[in-house]
Amino acid sequence: MSEKVRASHILLMYAGSARSTATRSKAEAETQINQLKAQLDGGGDFAELARQHSDCPSGKSGGDLGPFGRGQMVPEFETTTFGMEVGATSDVIQTDFGYHIIHRTG
């Protein structure tokens, strides 16, 4: 099993999620992330959607988080990313930070 992975993500925070300054409700964030997932499933450009919509500072670089090892991300994020093939895009997952779509790049 790989010691490090590389991934990009789109994060939508909501009022009350960890470290959030977002004002959208949890329901609004869930609706928006599902719309983004549908765009990706229809051939949308991951990096461009991350730049336009992600609440994470990584959005400026197309969602790129760079390489990371086990124990560096919250468990839900780590489990999903390490379980994906390179080039795959996850379903919507939820962590304490909000809703994510992850694209494994390495």
Protein backbone atom coordinates (compact mmCIF):
# COMPACT_ATOMS: atom_id res chain seq x y z
CA MET A 1 0.00 0.00 0.00
CA SER A 2 1.22 3.47 -0.89
CA GLU A 3 2.89 5.54 1.84
CA LYS A 4 1.90 8.85 0.23
CA VAL A 5 -0.83 9.99 -2.09
CA ARG A 6 -1.51 13.24 -3.90
CA ALA A 7 -4.97 14.66 -4.30
CA SER A 8 -7.02 17.71 -5.11
CA HIS A 9 -10.36 18.50 -3.56
CA ILE A 10 -13.31 20.81 -3.63
CA LEU A 11 -14.51 21.79 -0.15
CA LEU A 12 -17.80 23.48 0.63
CA MET A 13 -18.02 24.62 4.23
CA TYR A 14 -21.21 25.68 5.96
CA ALA A 15 -22.11 27.73 9.03
CA GLY A 16 -20.98 25.65 12.00
CA SER A 17 -18.46 23.41 10.23
CA ALA A 18 -14.90 23.36 11.60
CA ARG A 19 -12.88 26.53 10.89
CA SER A 20 -15.70 27.81 8.70
CA THR A 21 -16.39 31.40 7.83
CA ALA A 22 -19.12 30.32 5.40
CA THR A 23 -22.63 31.64 5.85
CA ARG A 24 -24.42 28.99 3.77
CA SER A 25 -26.50 26.44 5.63
CA LYS A 26 -25.55 22.76 5.76
CA ALA A 27 -28.45 21.98 3.40
CA GLU A 28 -27.30 24.68 0.95
CA ALA A 29 -23.73 23.31 1.00
CA GLU A 30 -25.01 19.78 0.38
CA THR A 31 -27.14 20.93 -2.56
CA GLN A 32 -24.23 22.89 -4.07
CA ILE A 33 -21.68 20.06 -3.67
CA ASN A 34 -24.10 17.61 -5.31
CA GLN A 35 -24.51 20.04 -8.22
CA LEU A 36 -20.71 20.24 -8.57
CA LYS A 37 -20.47 16.43 -8.50
CA ALA A 38 -23.05 16.27 -11.30
CA GLN A 39 -20.99 18.75 -13.34
CA LEU A 40 -17.86 16.64 -12.80
CA ASP A 41 -19.73 13.48 -13.76
CA GLY A 42 -20.78 15.29 -16.94
CA GLY A 43 -17.19 16.08 -17.89
CA GLY A 44 -16.59 19.29 -15.92
CA ASP A 45 -13.00 20.40 -15.28
CA PHE A 46 -12.08 19.56 -11.68
CA ALA A 47 -9.40 22.25 -11.29
CA GLU A 48 -11.60 24.96 -12.75
CA LEU A 49 -14.55 24.04 -10.51
CA ALA A 50 -12.22 24.01 -7.50
CA ARG A 51 -10.91 27.48 -8.39
CA GLN A 52 -14.47 28.80 -8.74
CA HIS A 53 -16.16 27.12 -5.77
CA SER A 54 -13.86 25.58 -3.14
CA ASP A 55 -13.73 27.19 0.29
CA CYS A 56 -10.26 25.72 0.89
CA PRO A 57 -7.24 27.93 0.16
CA SER A 58 -6.09 25.10 -2.14
CA GLY A 59 -8.88 26.14 -4.49
CA LYS A 60 -6.60 28.85 -5.87
CA SER A 61 -4.34 26.08 -7.20
CA GLY A 62 -7.18 23.99 -8.61
CA GLY A 63 -7.72 22.19 -5.31
CA ASP A 64 -4.22 20.65 -5.23
CA LEU A 65 -3.28 19.57 -1.71
CA GLY A 66 0.10 18.17 -2.73
CA PRO A 67 1.39 14.84 -1.43
CA PHE A 68 0.42 13.64 2.04
CA GLY A 69 0.84 10.54 4.13
CA ARG A 70 -1.33 8.65 6.55
CA GLY A 71 -2.31 10.57 9.66
CA GLN A 72 -2.11 13.99 8.00
CA MET A 73 -5.78 14.32 7.06
CA VAL A 74 -9.00 13.66 8.95
CA PRO A 75 -9.92 9.94 8.89
CA GLU A 76 -12.81 10.16 6.40
CA PHE A 77 -10.67 12.08 3.93
CA GLU A 78 -7.67 9.78 4.36
CA THR A 79 -9.67 6.57 4.02
CA THR A 80 -11.37 7.79 0.85
CA THR A 81 -8.19 9.08 -0.79
CA PHE A 82 -6.01 6.07 -0.01
CA GLY A 83 -8.80 3.77 -1.24
CA MET A 84 -9.02 5.42 -4.67
CA GLU A 85 -7.12 4.68 -7.86
CA VAL A 86 -4.99 7.47 -9.33
CA GLY A 87 -7.23 9.50 -11.64
CA ALA A 88 -10.43 8.61 -9.79
CA THR A 89 -12.88 11.14 -8.37
CA SER A 90 -14.77 10.36 -5.17
CA ASP A 91 -18.41 10.63 -4.37
CA VAL A 92 -19.31 13.47 -2.00
CA ILE A 93 -17.91 12.84 1.48
CA GLN A 94 -18.53 14.74 4.70
CA THR A 95 -15.99 15.67 7.37
CA ASP A 96 -16.06 18.15 10.25
CA PHE A 97 -14.89 20.77 7.71
CA GLY A 98 -17.83 20.34 5.35
CA TYR A 99 -18.49 18.49 2.10
CA HIS A 100 -15.66 17.35 -0.17
CA ILE A 101 -15.15 15.88 -3.61
CA ILE A 102 -11.68 14.38 -3.92
CA HIS A 103 -9.70 13.72 -7.08
CA ARG A 104 -6.66 11.49 -6.57
CA THR A 105 -3.78 12.71 -8.70
CA GLY A 106 -0.89 10.59 -7.47
